[in-house]
Amino acid sequence: MLLSLLEEKPSHGYELIKALEARTNGFYKPSPGMVYPALTFLEELGYATVDTEGNKKRYQLAGPGLAHLDANRERLALMLNKLKHVARKMEWVRRALSGEAAEPGAAGVAADEREAAGGWLPEFVEARVALKRALLLRTDATPDEQRRIAAILARATAEINAGPGGQGA
């Protein structure tokens, strides 16, 4: 994640901490005790270079760091999307607990606002919950049943990855 931020622009450690916090709506704010040793490690690997400005260090992405980042783009996307997902859920819970989130069907709430509560349509949430439940109920499935379920999930994954209109991702 740090390499991806450095790809955007050279930064000081504090700026990187703030950038990670901003990307997760405040859900994830790494401590300096995590970020600065990680930056030192990236420097030691040759993935980042450092310019000193007074007593501050400004980190930049180096060629080997870009190569490592390119080789791990999908992994990075999964991590960032997981953080965004959790941040969205936490924001929805925060709003619900503070009374800001309107319940679906509440008077005076527009249909679009009800449908997009938490950023997800109710049918999307229901489908995810139903899938998780179905898989939990098959925890002790036989090997043949596991293969059948895996084939179903592989087809669903391919269709999801194809995107709207069957176009590849």
N, C-alpha and C. Protein backbone atom coordinates (compact mmCIF):
# COMPACT_ATOMS: atom_id res chain seq x y z
N MET A 1 0.83 -1.19 0.00
CA MET A 1 0.00 0.00 0.00
C MET A 1 0.87 1.25 0.00
N LEU A 2 1.97 1.19 0.78
CA LEU A 2 2.86 2.34 0.82
C LEU A 2 3.48 2.61 -0.55
N LEU A 3 3.86 1.56 -1.25
CA LEU A 3 4.43 1.73 -2.58
C LEU A 3 3.43 2.39 -3.52
N SER A 4 2.17 2.01 -3.42
CA SER A 4 1.17 2.62 -4.30
C SER A 4 0.99 4.11 -4.01
N LEU A 5 1.10 4.48 -2.74
CA LEU A 5 1.01 5.90 -2.39
C LEU A 5 2.23 6.65 -2.89
N LEU A 6 3.39 6.01 -2.78
CA LEU A 6 4.62 6.65 -3.27
C LEU A 6 4.60 6.77 -4.79
N GLU A 7 3.91 5.87 -5.46
CA GLU A 7 3.78 5.97 -6.91
C GLU A 7 3.02 7.24 -7.29
N GLU A 8 2.03 7.59 -6.47
CA GLU A 8 1.24 8.79 -6.73
C GLU A 8 2.07 10.06 -6.55
N LYS A 9 2.86 10.08 -5.46
CA LYS A 9 3.73 11.24 -5.22
C LYS A 9 4.70 10.93 -4.09
N PRO A 10 5.90 11.47 -4.18
CA PRO A 10 6.85 11.31 -3.06
C PRO A 10 6.24 11.93 -1.80
N SER A 11 6.47 11.29 -0.67
CA SER A 11 5.81 11.74 0.57
C SER A 11 6.66 11.49 1.80
N HIS A 12 6.33 12.24 2.84
CA HIS A 12 6.88 12.02 4.17
C HIS A 12 6.03 10.94 4.85
N GLY A 13 6.56 10.29 5.85
CA GLY A 13 5.83 9.25 6.57
C GLY A 13 4.49 9.72 7.09
N TYR A 14 4.46 10.92 7.66
CA TYR A 14 3.21 11.45 8.21
C TYR A 14 2.17 11.61 7.11
N GLU A 15 2.60 12.06 5.92
CA GLU A 15 1.66 12.21 4.80
C GLU A 15 1.09 10.85 4.38
N LEU A 16 1.92 9.82 4.45
CA LEU A 16 1.46 8.48 4.09
C LEU A 16 0.44 7.96 5.10
N ILE A 17 0.67 8.24 6.36
CA ILE A 17 -0.28 7.85 7.41
C ILE A 17 -1.63 8.53 7.15
N LYS A 18 -1.59 9.81 6.87
CA LYS A 18 -2.82 10.57 6.62
C LYS A 18 -3.52 10.08 5.35
N ALA A 19 -2.76 9.73 4.32
CA ALA A 19 -3.35 9.25 3.07
C ALA A 19 -4.07 7.92 3.28
N LEU A 20 -3.47 7.01 4.06
CA LEU A 20 -4.13 5.74 4.35
C LEU A 20 -5.39 5.96 5.17
N GLU A 21 -5.31 6.88 6.10
CA GLU A 21 -6.49 7.19 6.92
C GLU A 21 -7.61 7.75 6.04
N ALA A 22 -7.26 8.64 5.13
CA ALA A 22 -8.26 9.26 4.25
C ALA A 22 -8.92 8.23 3.33
N ARG A 23 -8.13 7.29 2.82
CA ARG A 23 -8.68 6.28 1.90
C ARG A 23 -9.65 5.33 2.57
N THR A 24 -9.60 5.27 3.89
CA THR A 24 -10.51 4.36 4.61
C THR A 24 -11.52 5.13 5.46
N ASN A 25 -11.73 6.39 5.14
CA ASN A 25 -12.67 7.23 5.90
C ASN A 25 -12.39 7.19 7.39
N GLY A 26 -11.12 7.14 7.76
CA GLY A 26 -10.73 7.16 9.15
C GLY A 26 -10.75 5.81 9.84
N PHE A 27 -11.16 4.75 9.12
CA PHE A 27 -11.24 3.43 9.74
C PHE A 27 -9.85 2.89 10.05
N TYR A 28 -8.90 3.09 9.15
CA TYR A 28 -7.55 2.55 9.36
C TYR A 28 -6.55 3.69 9.37
N LYS A 29 -5.92 3.88 10.51
CA LYS A 29 -4.87 4.88 10.64
C LYS A 29 -3.66 4.17 11.22
N PRO A 30 -2.70 3.83 10.35
CA PRO A 30 -1.54 3.10 10.86
C PRO A 30 -0.73 3.97 11.81
N SER A 31 -0.10 3.32 12.75
CA SER A 31 0.71 4.06 13.72
C SER A 31 2.07 4.37 13.11
N PRO A 32 2.73 5.41 13.60
CA PRO A 32 4.09 5.69 13.15
C PRO A 32 5.02 4.50 13.39
N GLY A 33 4.76 3.75 14.46
CA GLY A 33 5.56 2.58 14.78
C GLY A 33 5.41 1.46 13.77
N MET A 34 4.38 1.54 12.92
CA MET A 34 4.22 0.57 11.84
C MET A 34 4.76 1.14 10.54
N VAL A 35 4.48 2.39 10.26
CA VAL A 35 4.83 2.99 8.97
C VAL A 35 6.33 3.24 8.82
N TYR A 36 6.95 3.84 9.82
CA TYR A 36 8.37 4.19 9.66
C TYR A 36 9.28 2.98 9.52
N PRO A 37 9.10 1.91 10.30
CA PRO A 37 9.92 0.71 10.05
C PRO A 37 9.64 0.10 8.67
N ALA A 38 8.38 0.17 8.22
CA ALA A 38 8.06 -0.36 6.89
C ALA A 38 8.76 0.45 5.81
N LEU A 39 8.80 1.77 5.98
CA LEU A 39 9.50 2.62 5.01
C LEU A 39 11.01 2.33 5.01
N THR A 40 11.57 2.12 6.18
CA THR A 40 13.00 1.77 6.27
C THR A 40 13.24 0.45 5.55
N PHE A 41 12.34 -0.50 5.73
CA PHE A 41 12.46 -1.79 5.06
C PHE A 41 12.38 -1.62 3.54
N LEU A 42 11.45 -0.81 3.06
CA LEU A 42 11.34 -0.56 1.63
C LEU A 42 12.61 0.09 1.08
N GLU A 43 13.20 0.97 1.88
CA GLU A 43 14.46 1.60 1.48
C GLU A 43 15.58 0.55 1.41
N GLU A 44 15.65 -0.33 2.40
CA GLU A 44 16.69 -1.36 2.44
C GLU A 44 16.56 -2.33 1.26
N LEU A 45 15.32 -2.60 0.83
CA LEU A 45 15.09 -3.47 -0.32
C LEU A 45 15.40 -2.79 -1.65
N GLY A 46 15.56 -1.47 -1.60
CA GLY A 46 15.78 -0.71 -2.83
C GLY A 46 14.49 -0.34 -3.53
N TYR A 47 13.34 -0.53 -2.84
CA TYR A 47 12.04 -0.22 -3.42
C TYR A 47 11.70 1.27 -3.31
N ALA A 48 12.36 1.94 -2.39
CA ALA A 48 12.13 3.38 -2.19
C ALA A 48 13.47 4.06 -1.96
N THR A 49 13.52 5.32 -2.35
CA THR A 49 14.71 6.13 -2.06
C THR A 49 14.27 7.24 -1.11
N VAL A 50 15.25 7.86 -0.47
CA VAL A 50 14.94 8.87 0.54
C VAL A 50 15.75 10.13 0.28
N ASP A 51 15.07 11.26 0.36
CA ASP A 51 15.71 12.56 0.37
C ASP A 51 15.50 13.14 1.76
N THR A 52 16.53 13.73 2.31
CA THR A 52 16.41 14.33 3.63
C THR A 52 16.18 15.82 3.48
N GLU A 53 15.16 16.31 4.17
CA GLU A 53 14.83 17.74 4.21
C GLU A 53 14.86 18.16 5.67
N GLY A 54 15.99 18.68 6.12
CA GLY A 54 16.14 18.99 7.54
C GLY A 54 16.17 17.69 8.31
N ASN A 55 15.25 17.55 9.25
CA ASN A 55 15.18 16.29 10.00
C ASN A 55 14.06 15.39 9.49
N LYS A 56 13.49 15.73 8.34
CA LYS A 56 12.41 14.94 7.74
C LYS A 56 12.94 14.15 6.55
N LYS A 57 12.37 12.97 6.37
CA LYS A 57 12.70 12.14 5.23
C LYS A 57 11.52 12.12 4.26
N ARG A 58 11.85 12.31 3.00
CA ARG A 58 10.83 12.26 1.94
C ARG A 58 11.13 11.03 1.09
N TYR A 59 10.16 10.12 1.01
CA TYR A 59 10.35 8.85 0.31
C TYR A 59 9.80 8.94 -1.11
N GLN A 60 10.50 8.27 -2.03
CA GLN A 60 10.09 8.21 -3.43
C GLN A 60 10.13 6.75 -3.89
N LEU A 61 9.28 6.42 -4.82
CA LEU A 61 9.27 5.08 -5.38
C LEU A 61 10.48 4.90 -6.29
N ALA A 62 11.21 3.80 -6.10
CA ALA A 62 12.36 3.48 -6.93
C ALA A 62 11.95 2.43 -7.98
N GLY A 63 12.78 2.24 -8.99
CA GLY A 63 12.49 1.29 -10.06
C GLY A 63 12.12 -0.10 -9.57
N PRO A 64 12.92 -0.70 -8.69
CA PRO A 64 12.56 -2.04 -8.19
C PRO A 64 11.23 -2.03 -7.42
N GLY A 65 10.92 -0.92 -6.76
CA GLY A 65 9.64 -0.81 -6.06
C GLY A 65 8.48 -0.79 -7.04
N LEU A 66 8.66 -0.08 -8.16
CA LEU A 66 7.62 -0.04 -9.19
C LEU A 66 7.43 -1.44 -9.79
N ALA A 67 8.52 -2.15 -10.02
CA ALA A 67 8.42 -3.51 -10.55
C ALA A 67 7.66 -4.42 -9.57
N HIS A 68 7.97 -4.29 -8.28
CA HIS A 68 7.28 -5.08 -7.26
C HIS A 68 5.80 -4.70 -7.22
N LEU A 69 5.53 -3.43 -7.30
CA LEU A 69 4.15 -2.94 -7.29
C LEU A 69 3.40 -3.49 -8.51
N ASP A 70 4.01 -3.42 -9.68
CA ASP A 70 3.37 -3.93 -10.90
C ASP A 70 3.08 -5.42 -10.79
N ALA A 71 3.97 -6.16 -10.18
CA ALA A 71 3.79 -7.61 -10.03
C ALA A 71 2.70 -7.95 -9.01
N ASN A 72 2.30 -6.99 -8.21
CA ASN A 72 1.33 -7.24 -7.13
C ASN A 72 0.10 -6.35 -7.21
N ARG A 73 -0.23 -5.85 -8.41
CA ARG A 73 -1.37 -4.92 -8.55
C ARG A 73 -2.70 -5.55 -8.10
N GLU A 74 -2.94 -6.79 -8.48
CA GLU A 74 -4.21 -7.41 -8.09
C GLU A 74 -4.29 -7.58 -6.58
N ARG A 75 -3.21 -8.00 -5.97
CA ARG A 75 -3.18 -8.14 -4.50
C ARG A 75 -3.43 -6.80 -3.82
N LEU A 76 -2.82 -5.76 -4.36
CA LEU A 76 -3.02 -4.41 -3.82
C LEU A 76 -4.48 -4.00 -3.96
N ALA A 77 -5.06 -4.24 -5.12
CA ALA A 77 -6.47 -3.86 -5.35
C ALA A 77 -7.37 -4.59 -4.36
N LEU A 78 -7.09 -5.86 -4.12
CA LEU A 78 -7.90 -6.62 -3.15
C LEU A 78 -7.77 -6.04 -1.74
N MET A 79 -6.55 -5.70 -1.34
CA MET A 79 -6.36 -5.13 0.00
C MET A 79 -7.08 -3.79 0.13
N LEU A 80 -6.90 -2.91 -0.86
CA LEU A 80 -7.53 -1.60 -0.79
C LEU A 80 -9.05 -1.70 -0.83
N ASN A 81 -9.56 -2.60 -1.67
CA ASN A 81 -11.01 -2.77 -1.73
C ASN A 81 -11.56 -3.36 -0.44
N LYS A 82 -10.82 -4.24 0.21
CA LYS A 82 -11.25 -4.78 1.50
C LYS A 82 -11.31 -3.66 2.54
N LEU A 83 -10.29 -2.81 2.56
CA LEU A 83 -10.30 -1.68 3.49
C LEU A 83 -11.47 -0.74 3.20
N LYS A 84 -11.73 -0.46 1.91
CA LYS A 84 -12.86 0.40 1.55
C LYS A 84 -14.17 -0.23 1.98
N HIS A 85 -14.28 -1.54 1.78
CA HIS A 85 -15.49 -2.26 2.15
C HIS A 85 -15.75 -2.15 3.66
N VAL A 86 -14.72 -2.41 4.44
CA VAL A 86 -14.87 -2.34 5.90
C VAL A 86 -15.16 -0.90 6.33
N ALA A 87 -14.49 0.06 5.70
CA ALA A 87 -14.74 1.47 6.03
C ALA A 87 -16.19 1.84 5.73
N ARG A 88 -16.71 1.36 4.61
CA ARG A 88 -18.10 1.65 4.25
C ARG A 88 -19.04 1.04 5.28
N LYS A 89 -18.77 -0.19 5.69
CA LYS A 89 -19.61 -0.83 6.70
C LYS A 89 -19.54 -0.07 8.02
N MET A 90 -18.33 0.34 8.42
CA MET A 90 -18.18 1.07 9.67
C MET A 90 -18.92 2.41 9.62
N GLU A 91 -18.87 3.09 8.48
CA GLU A 91 -19.59 4.36 8.33
C GLU A 91 -21.09 4.12 8.43
N TRP A 92 -21.58 3.06 7.82
CA TRP A 92 -22.99 2.74 7.87
C TRP A 92 -23.41 2.47 9.32
N VAL A 93 -22.60 1.71 10.06
CA VAL A 93 -22.89 1.41 11.46
C VAL A 93 -22.85 2.69 12.29
N ARG A 94 -21.83 3.53 12.05
CA ARG A 94 -21.74 4.80 12.78
C ARG A 94 -22.98 5.64 12.57
N ARG A 95 -23.42 5.73 11.30
CA ARG A 95 -24.61 6.52 11.00
C ARG A 95 -25.85 5.92 11.65
N ALA A 96 -25.95 4.61 11.62
CA ALA A 96 -27.10 3.94 12.22
C ALA A 96 -27.15 4.18 13.72
N LEU A 97 -26.00 4.08 14.38
CA LEU A 97 -25.95 4.26 15.83
C LEU A 97 -26.20 5.71 16.23
N SER A 98 -25.86 6.64 15.34
CA SER A 98 -26.08 8.05 15.68
C SER A 98 -27.46 8.53 15.26
N GLY A 99 -28.23 7.64 14.62
CA GLY A 99 -29.58 8.03 14.20
C GLY A 99 -29.60 8.71 12.85
N GLU A 100 -28.46 8.81 12.17
CA GLU A 100 -28.42 9.47 10.86
C GLU A 100 -28.95 8.58 9.75
N ALA A 101 -28.75 7.26 9.87
CA ALA A 101 -29.16 6.35 8.80
C ALA A 101 -30.64 6.08 8.90
N ALA A 102 -31.35 6.35 7.82
CA ALA A 102 -32.78 6.09 7.79
C ALA A 102 -33.03 4.62 7.48
N GLU A 103 -34.03 4.07 8.12
CA GLU A 103 -34.41 2.69 7.85
C GLU A 103 -35.12 2.63 6.51
N PRO A 104 -34.92 1.54 5.75
CA PRO A 104 -35.66 1.40 4.50
C PRO A 104 -37.15 1.52 4.76
N GLY A 105 -37.82 2.29 3.93
CA GLY A 105 -39.26 2.48 4.07
C GLY A 105 -39.64 3.62 4.98
N ALA A 106 -38.64 4.27 5.58
CA ALA A 106 -38.96 5.38 6.50
C ALA A 106 -39.60 6.52 5.72
N ALA A 107 -40.55 7.18 6.34
CA ALA A 107 -41.23 8.29 5.70
C ALA A 107 -40.25 9.41 5.38
N GLY A 108 -40.43 10.00 4.23
CA GLY A 108 -39.61 11.14 3.84
C GLY A 108 -38.24 10.77 3.30
N VAL A 109 -37.95 9.50 3.14
CA VAL A 109 -36.66 9.08 2.62
C VAL A 109 -36.85 8.66 1.17
N ALA A 110 -36.10 9.28 0.28
CA ALA A 110 -36.21 8.97 -1.14
C ALA A 110 -35.87 7.51 -1.41
N ALA A 111 -36.50 6.95 -2.45
CA ALA A 111 -36.26 5.54 -2.79
C ALA A 111 -34.80 5.26 -3.06
N ASP A 112 -34.13 6.15 -3.78
CA ASP A 112 -32.71 5.95 -4.09
C ASP A 112 -31.87 5.92 -2.83
N GLU A 113 -32.20 6.78 -1.87
CA GLU A 113 -31.46 6.83 -0.61
C GLU A 113 -31.68 5.56 0.19
N ARG A 114 -32.93 5.07 0.20
CA ARG A 114 -33.22 3.82 0.91
C ARG A 114 -32.46 2.67 0.28
N GLU A 115 -32.48 2.60 -1.06
CA GLU A 115 -31.84 1.49 -1.75
C GLU A 115 -30.34 1.50 -1.56
N ALA A 116 -29.75 2.68 -1.44
CA ALA A 116 -28.30 2.77 -1.36
C ALA A 116 -27.80 2.90 0.07
N ALA A 117 -28.61 2.53 1.05
CA ALA A 117 -28.18 2.60 2.45
C ALA A 117 -26.86 1.87 2.62
N GLY A 118 -25.88 2.57 3.11
CA GLY A 118 -24.57 1.97 3.28
C GLY A 118 -23.84 1.79 1.96
N GLY A 119 -24.40 2.27 0.87
CA GLY A 119 -23.76 2.14 -0.42
C GLY A 119 -24.11 0.86 -1.14
N TRP A 120 -24.88 -0.01 -0.52
CA TRP A 120 -25.25 -1.28 -1.15
C TRP A 120 -26.76 -1.39 -1.28
N LEU A 121 -27.20 -1.92 -2.38
CA LEU A 121 -28.62 -2.18 -2.56
C LEU A 121 -29.04 -3.33 -1.66
N PRO A 122 -30.26 -3.29 -1.14
CA PRO A 122 -30.70 -4.38 -0.25
C PRO A 122 -30.58 -5.76 -0.88
N GLU A 123 -30.89 -5.88 -2.18
CA GLU A 123 -30.82 -7.19 -2.82
C GLU A 123 -29.37 -7.68 -2.93
N PHE A 124 -28.43 -6.76 -3.03
CA PHE A 124 -27.02 -7.14 -3.04
C PHE A 124 -26.61 -7.69 -1.67
N VAL A 125 -27.00 -6.99 -0.63
CA VAL A 125 -26.69 -7.44 0.74
C VAL A 125 -27.35 -8.79 1.01
N GLU A 126 -28.62 -8.92 0.64
CA GLU A 126 -29.34 -10.18 0.87
C GLU A 126 -28.68 -11.34 0.14
N ALA A 127 -28.22 -11.10 -1.10
CA ALA A 127 -27.57 -12.17 -1.87
C ALA A 127 -26.26 -12.60 -1.22
N ARG A 128 -25.49 -11.65 -0.72
CA ARG A 128 -24.23 -11.98 -0.05
C ARG A 128 -24.49 -12.78 1.23
N VAL A 129 -25.47 -12.34 2.00
CA VAL A 129 -25.80 -13.03 3.25
C VAL A 129 -26.28 -14.45 2.94
N ALA A 130 -27.12 -14.59 1.92
CA ALA A 130 -27.64 -15.91 1.55
C ALA A 130 -26.51 -16.84 1.10
N LEU A 131 -25.56 -16.33 0.35
CA LEU A 131 -24.44 -17.15 -0.10
C LEU A 131 -23.59 -17.61 1.09
N LYS A 132 -23.27 -16.69 1.98
CA LYS A 132 -22.49 -17.05 3.16
C LYS A 132 -23.21 -18.11 4.00
N ARG A 133 -24.52 -17.94 4.15
CA ARG A 133 -25.31 -18.89 4.93
C ARG A 133 -25.30 -20.27 4.26
N ALA A 134 -25.51 -20.29 2.96
CA ALA A 134 -25.53 -21.56 2.22
C ALA A 134 -24.19 -22.29 2.36
N LEU A 135 -23.10 -21.55 2.28
CA LEU A 135 -21.78 -22.18 2.42
C LEU A 135 -21.55 -22.70 3.83
N LEU A 136 -21.97 -21.93 4.83
CA LEU A 136 -21.84 -22.39 6.21
C LEU A 136 -22.65 -23.66 6.47
N LEU A 137 -23.82 -23.76 5.85
CA LEU A 137 -24.65 -24.94 6.02
C LEU A 137 -24.06 -26.17 5.35
N ARG A 138 -23.09 -25.96 4.46
CA ARG A 138 -22.43 -27.07 3.76
C ARG A 138 -21.02 -27.32 4.29
N THR A 139 -20.75 -26.94 5.50
CA THR A 139 -19.41 -27.10 6.09
C THR A 139 -18.94 -28.54 6.05
N ASP A 140 -19.84 -29.48 6.26
CA ASP A 140 -19.47 -30.90 6.29
C ASP A 140 -19.79 -31.60 4.97
N ALA A 141 -19.81 -30.88 3.88
CA ALA A 141 -20.15 -31.46 2.57
C ALA A 141 -19.14 -32.52 2.16
N THR A 142 -19.64 -33.50 1.44
CA THR A 142 -18.77 -34.56 0.91
C THR A 142 -17.86 -33.97 -0.17
N PRO A 143 -16.79 -34.66 -0.52
CA PRO A 143 -15.93 -34.16 -1.60
C PRO A 143 -16.69 -33.91 -2.90
N ASP A 144 -17.63 -34.79 -3.25
CA ASP A 144 -18.41 -34.58 -4.48
C ASP A 144 -19.25 -33.31 -4.38
N GLU A 145 -19.86 -33.08 -3.22
CA GLU A 145 -20.67 -31.88 -3.02
C GLU A 145 -19.78 -30.63 -3.04
N GLN A 146 -18.59 -30.71 -2.47
CA GLN A 146 -17.67 -29.57 -2.50
C GLN A 146 -17.29 -29.24 -3.94
N ARG A 147 -17.06 -30.28 -4.78
CA ARG A 147 -16.73 -30.05 -6.20
C ARG A 147 -17.90 -29.38 -6.92
N ARG A 148 -19.12 -29.84 -6.63
CA ARG A 148 -20.31 -29.25 -7.25
C ARG A 148 -20.44 -27.78 -6.88
N ILE A 149 -20.25 -27.48 -5.60
CA ILE A 149 -20.34 -26.08 -5.12
C ILE A 149 -19.22 -25.25 -5.74
N ALA A 150 -18.01 -25.80 -5.80
CA ALA A 150 -16.88 -25.07 -6.39
C ALA A 150 -17.16 -24.73 -7.85
N ALA A 151 -17.78 -25.64 -8.60
CA ALA A 151 -18.10 -25.39 -10.00
C ALA A 151 -19.13 -24.26 -10.12
N ILE A 152 -20.13 -24.27 -9.25
CA ILE A 152 -21.14 -23.21 -9.25
C ILE A 152 -20.47 -21.86 -8.97
N LEU A 153 -19.61 -21.83 -7.95
CA LEU A 153 -18.94 -20.58 -7.58
C LEU A 153 -18.00 -20.12 -8.69
N ALA A 154 -17.33 -21.05 -9.37
CA ALA A 154 -16.45 -20.68 -10.48
C ALA A 154 -17.24 -20.04 -11.61
N ARG A 155 -18.42 -20.59 -11.92
CA ARG A 155 -19.27 -19.99 -12.97
C ARG A 155 -19.73 -18.60 -12.55
N ALA A 156 -20.15 -18.47 -11.30
CA ALA A 156 -20.61 -17.16 -10.81
C ALA A 156 -19.47 -16.16 -10.84
N THR A 157 -18.28 -16.58 -10.43
CA THR A 157 -17.12 -15.70 -10.43
C THR A 157 -16.81 -15.23 -11.85
N ALA A 158 -16.84 -16.15 -12.80
CA ALA A 158 -16.55 -15.80 -14.19
C ALA A 158 -17.57 -14.79 -14.70
N GLU A 159 -18.83 -14.98 -14.36
CA GLU A 159 -19.87 -14.06 -14.80
C GLU A 159 -19.69 -12.68 -14.17
N ILE A 160 -19.38 -12.65 -12.89
CA ILE A 160 -19.13 -11.37 -12.20
C ILE A 160 -17.93 -10.67 -12.81
N ASN A 161 -16.84 -11.41 -13.03
CA ASN A 161 -15.65 -10.81 -13.62
C ASN A 161 -15.85 -10.34 -15.05
N ALA A 162 -16.80 -10.95 -15.77
CA ALA A 162 -17.08 -10.54 -17.14
C ALA A 162 -17.68 -9.13 -17.17
N GLY A 163 -18.33 -8.73 -16.09
CA GLY A 163 -18.88 -7.39 -15.99
C GLY A 163 -20.17 -7.23 -16.79
N PRO A 164 -20.71 -6.02 -16.81
CA PRO A 164 -21.95 -5.74 -17.52
C PRO A 164 -21.82 -6.08 -19.01
N GLY A 165 -22.82 -6.73 -19.54
CA GLY A 165 -22.82 -7.06 -20.96
C GLY A 165 -21.85 -8.17 -21.33
N GLY A 166 -21.32 -8.87 -20.31
CA GLY A 166 -20.41 -9.99 -20.60
C GLY A 166 -19.03 -9.59 -21.02
N GLN A 167 -18.64 -8.34 -20.81
CA GLN A 167 -17.31 -7.86 -21.17
C GLN A 167 -16.30 -8.32 -20.13
N GLY A 168 -15.10 -8.64 -20.53
CA GLY A 168 -14.04 -9.06 -19.61
C GLY A 168 -13.63 -7.94 -18.70
N ALA A 169 -13.10 -8.31 -17.53
CA ALA A 169 -12.67 -7.33 -16.54
C ALA A 169 -11.36 -6.70 -16.94
